[in-house]
Amino acid sequence: MAAPGDRTNVDIAGRRLVVSNLAKVMYPLVGFTKADVIDYYVRVAPMMLPHIVGRGVTLRRWPDGVTGESFFEKRPPHFPGKPTEALAGFAFYPWWDEPAFG
């Protein structure tokens, strides 16, 4: 098993990304790791992306797994985004139009 914080290069949808902590357990009840979650999203991307293309998305993050504290990440530097019309004017949201950003 990789040591915590280990960084690994992975190829997703033709892009080379650097990810860390792939062995970190994110869903302890079933034992799913960060690598399992990434694999899931890569597999569902062809079905999911047509439904979210052209829309802003909200990123809710659980740094210590789903049993830990969570937060909504606003204006993440590693995702393309643009101002999006919201209830109170305009807000900046990431736009997720392809399987991988990096």
C-alpha atoms as a PDB file:
ATOM      1  CA  MET A   1       0.000   0.000   0.000  1.00  0.00           C
ATOM      2  CA  ALA A   2       1.215   3.480  -0.833  1.00  0.00           C
ATOM      3  CA  ALA A   3       2.231   5.812   1.966  1.00  0.00           C
ATOM      4  CA  PRO A   4      -0.169   8.665   2.794  1.00  0.00           C
ATOM      5  CA  GLY A   5       0.452  11.644   0.541  1.00  0.00           C
ATOM      6  CA  ASP A   6       2.037   9.567  -2.219  1.00  0.00           C
ATOM      7  CA  ARG A   7       1.440  11.160  -5.601  1.00  0.00           C
ATOM      8  CA  THR A   8       0.718   9.096  -8.677  1.00  0.00           C
ATOM      9  CA  ASN A   9       0.360   9.999 -12.342  1.00  0.00           C
ATOM     10  CA  VAL A  10      -2.802   8.624 -13.933  1.00  0.00           C
ATOM     11  CA  ASP A  11      -4.171   8.909 -17.458  1.00  0.00           C
ATOM     12  CA  ILE A  12      -7.884   9.713 -17.612  1.00  0.00           C
ATOM     13  CA  ALA A  13      -9.649  10.508 -20.876  1.00  0.00           C
ATOM     14  CA  GLY A  14      -6.368  11.341 -22.591  1.00  0.00           C
ATOM     15  CA  ARG A  15      -5.103  13.645 -19.831  1.00  0.00           C
ATOM     16  CA  ARG A  16      -2.277  12.975 -17.422  1.00  0.00           C
ATOM     17  CA  LEU A  17      -3.273  13.969 -13.887  1.00  0.00           C
ATOM     18  CA  VAL A  18      -1.382  13.873 -10.616  1.00  0.00           C
ATOM     19  CA  VAL A  19      -3.445  12.380  -7.789  1.00  0.00           C
ATOM     20  CA  SER A  20      -2.536  11.565  -4.204  1.00  0.00           C
ATOM     21  CA  ASN A  21      -3.647   9.186  -1.460  1.00  0.00           C
ATOM     22  CA  LEU A  22      -5.288   6.652  -3.801  1.00  0.00           C
ATOM     23  CA  ALA A  23      -5.408   4.075  -0.993  1.00  0.00           C
ATOM     24  CA  LYS A  24      -7.272   6.444   1.360  1.00  0.00           C
ATOM     25  CA  VAL A  25     -10.595   4.908   2.410  1.00  0.00           C
ATOM     26  CA  MET A  26     -13.391   7.310   1.517  1.00  0.00           C
ATOM     27  CA  TYR A  27     -16.401   5.063   2.224  1.00  0.00           C
ATOM     28  CA  PRO A  28     -15.477   2.983   5.287  1.00  0.00           C
ATOM     29  CA  LEU A  29     -18.709   0.962   5.471  1.00  0.00           C
ATOM     30  CA  VAL A  30     -17.901  -0.685   2.129  1.00  0.00           C
ATOM     31  CA  GLY A  31     -14.147  -0.046   2.023  1.00  0.00           C
ATOM     32  CA  PHE A  32     -14.155   2.096  -1.141  1.00  0.00           C
ATOM     33  CA  THR A  33     -10.932   4.022  -1.616  1.00  0.00           C
ATOM     34  CA  LYS A  34     -10.193   7.256  -3.405  1.00  0.00           C
ATOM     35  CA  ALA A  35      -9.014   5.135  -6.358  1.00  0.00           C
ATOM     36  CA  ASP A  36     -12.409   3.369  -6.403  1.00  0.00           C
ATOM     37  CA  VAL A  37     -14.250   6.709  -6.444  1.00  0.00           C
ATOM     38  CA  ILE A  38     -12.118   7.993  -9.338  1.00  0.00           C
ATOM     39  CA  ASP A  39     -12.717   4.734 -11.225  1.00  0.00           C
ATOM     40  CA  TYR A  40     -16.485   5.080 -10.661  1.00  0.00           C
ATOM     41  CA  TYR A  41     -16.609   8.629 -12.054  1.00  0.00           C
ATOM     42  CA  VAL A  42     -14.499   7.672 -15.076  1.00  0.00           C
ATOM     43  CA  ARG A  43     -16.955   4.842 -15.801  1.00  0.00           C
ATOM     44  CA  VAL A  44     -20.143   6.918 -15.393  1.00  0.00           C
ATOM     45  CA  ALA A  45     -18.812  10.038 -17.155  1.00  0.00           C
ATOM     46  CA  PRO A  46     -20.140   9.043 -20.611  1.00  0.00           C
ATOM     47  CA  MET A  47     -23.672   8.758 -19.164  1.00  0.00           C
ATOM     48  CA  MET A  48     -23.444  11.672 -16.715  1.00  0.00           C
ATOM     49  CA  LEU A  49     -21.738  14.389 -18.756  1.00  0.00           C
ATOM     50  CA  PRO A  50     -24.523  14.895 -21.315  1.00  0.00           C
ATOM     51  CA  HIS A  51     -26.798  15.881 -18.411  1.00  0.00           C
ATOM     52  CA  ILE A  52     -24.445  18.442 -16.856  1.00  0.00           C
ATOM     53  CA  VAL A  53     -22.691  19.976 -19.875  1.00  0.00           C
ATOM     54  CA  GLY A  54     -23.324  23.704 -19.925  1.00  0.00           C
ATOM     55  CA  ARG A  55     -24.287  23.867 -16.258  1.00  0.00           C
ATOM     56  CA  GLY A  56     -22.413  24.973 -13.200  1.00  0.00           C
ATOM     57  CA  VAL A  57     -21.692  22.262 -10.644  1.00  0.00           C
ATOM     58  CA  THR A  58     -21.230  22.343  -6.896  1.00  0.00           C
ATOM     59  CA  LEU A  59     -18.209  20.603  -5.418  1.00  0.00           C
ATOM     60  CA  ARG A  60     -18.824  19.156  -1.977  1.00  0.00           C
ATOM     61  CA  ARG A  61     -15.638  17.706  -0.523  1.00  0.00           C
ATOM     62  CA  TRP A  62     -15.010  15.220   2.274  1.00  0.00           C
ATOM     63  CA  PRO A  63     -11.245  15.344   2.920  1.00  0.00           C
ATOM     64  CA  ASP A  64     -11.398  12.595   5.572  1.00  0.00           C
ATOM     65  CA  GLY A  65     -14.024  10.375   3.934  1.00  0.00           C
ATOM     66  CA  VAL A  66     -17.805  10.558   4.050  1.00  0.00           C
ATOM     67  CA  THR A  67     -17.941  10.025   7.809  1.00  0.00           C
ATOM     68  CA  GLY A  68     -15.856  13.181   8.388  1.00  0.00           C
ATOM     69  CA  GLU A  69     -16.570  16.878   8.011  1.00  0.00           C
ATOM     70  CA  SER A  70     -17.467  18.207   4.560  1.00  0.00           C
ATOM     71  CA  PHE A  71     -17.374  21.596   2.889  1.00  0.00           C
ATOM     72  CA  PHE A  72     -18.440  23.201  -0.376  1.00  0.00           C
ATOM     73  CA  GLU A  73     -15.416  24.261  -2.390  1.00  0.00           C
ATOM     74  CA  LYS A  74     -16.016  27.579  -4.096  1.00  0.00           C
ATOM     75  CA  ARG A  75     -13.878  28.732  -6.988  1.00  0.00           C
ATOM     76  CA  PRO A  76     -11.576  25.707  -7.111  1.00  0.00           C
ATOM     77  CA  PRO A  77      -8.389  26.717  -8.935  1.00  0.00           C
ATOM     78  CA  HIS A  78      -8.084  23.404 -10.794  1.00  0.00           C
ATOM     79  CA  PHE A  79     -11.514  23.512 -12.503  1.00  0.00           C
ATOM     80  CA  PRO A  80     -12.545  25.764 -15.357  1.00  0.00           C
ATOM     81  CA  GLY A  81     -15.455  27.958 -14.394  1.00  0.00           C
ATOM     82  CA  LYS A  82     -17.435  30.984 -15.365  1.00  0.00           C
ATOM     83  CA  PRO A  83     -20.012  33.335 -13.916  1.00  0.00           C
ATOM     84  CA  THR A  84     -23.402  31.657 -13.841  1.00  0.00           C
ATOM     85  CA  GLU A  85     -26.782  33.258 -13.285  1.00  0.00           C
ATOM     86  CA  ALA A  86     -27.968  32.430  -9.781  1.00  0.00           C
ATOM     87  CA  LEU A  87     -30.882  33.473  -7.555  1.00  0.00           C
ATOM     88  CA  ALA A  88     -29.001  36.470  -6.177  1.00  0.00           C
ATOM     89  CA  GLY A  89     -27.336  37.717  -9.364  1.00  0.00           C
ATOM     90  CA  PHE A  90     -24.286  35.909 -10.662  1.00  0.00           C
ATOM     91  CA  ALA A  91     -22.078  33.353  -8.937  1.00  0.00           C
ATOM     92  CA  PHE A  92     -18.890  31.650 -10.108  1.00  0.00           C
ATOM     93  CA  TYR A  93     -19.330  27.895 -10.591  1.00  0.00           C
ATOM     94  CA  PRO A  94     -17.055  25.232 -12.029  1.00  0.00           C
ATOM     95  CA  TRP A  95     -18.254  23.804 -15.339  1.00  0.00           C
ATOM     96  CA  TRP A  96     -17.641  20.116 -15.812  1.00  0.00           C
ATOM     97  CA  ASP A  97     -17.769  19.426 -19.547  1.00  0.00           C
ATOM     98  CA  GLU A  98     -15.305  16.525 -19.839  1.00  0.00           C
ATOM     99  CA  PRO A  99     -14.182  13.493 -17.805  1.00  0.00           C
ATOM    100  CA  ALA A 100     -10.899  14.991 -16.554  1.00  0.00           C
ATOM    101  CA  PHE A 101      -9.415  18.404 -15.891  1.00  0.00           C
ATOM    102  CA  GLY A 102      -5.800  18.964 -15.127  1.00  0.00           C
END
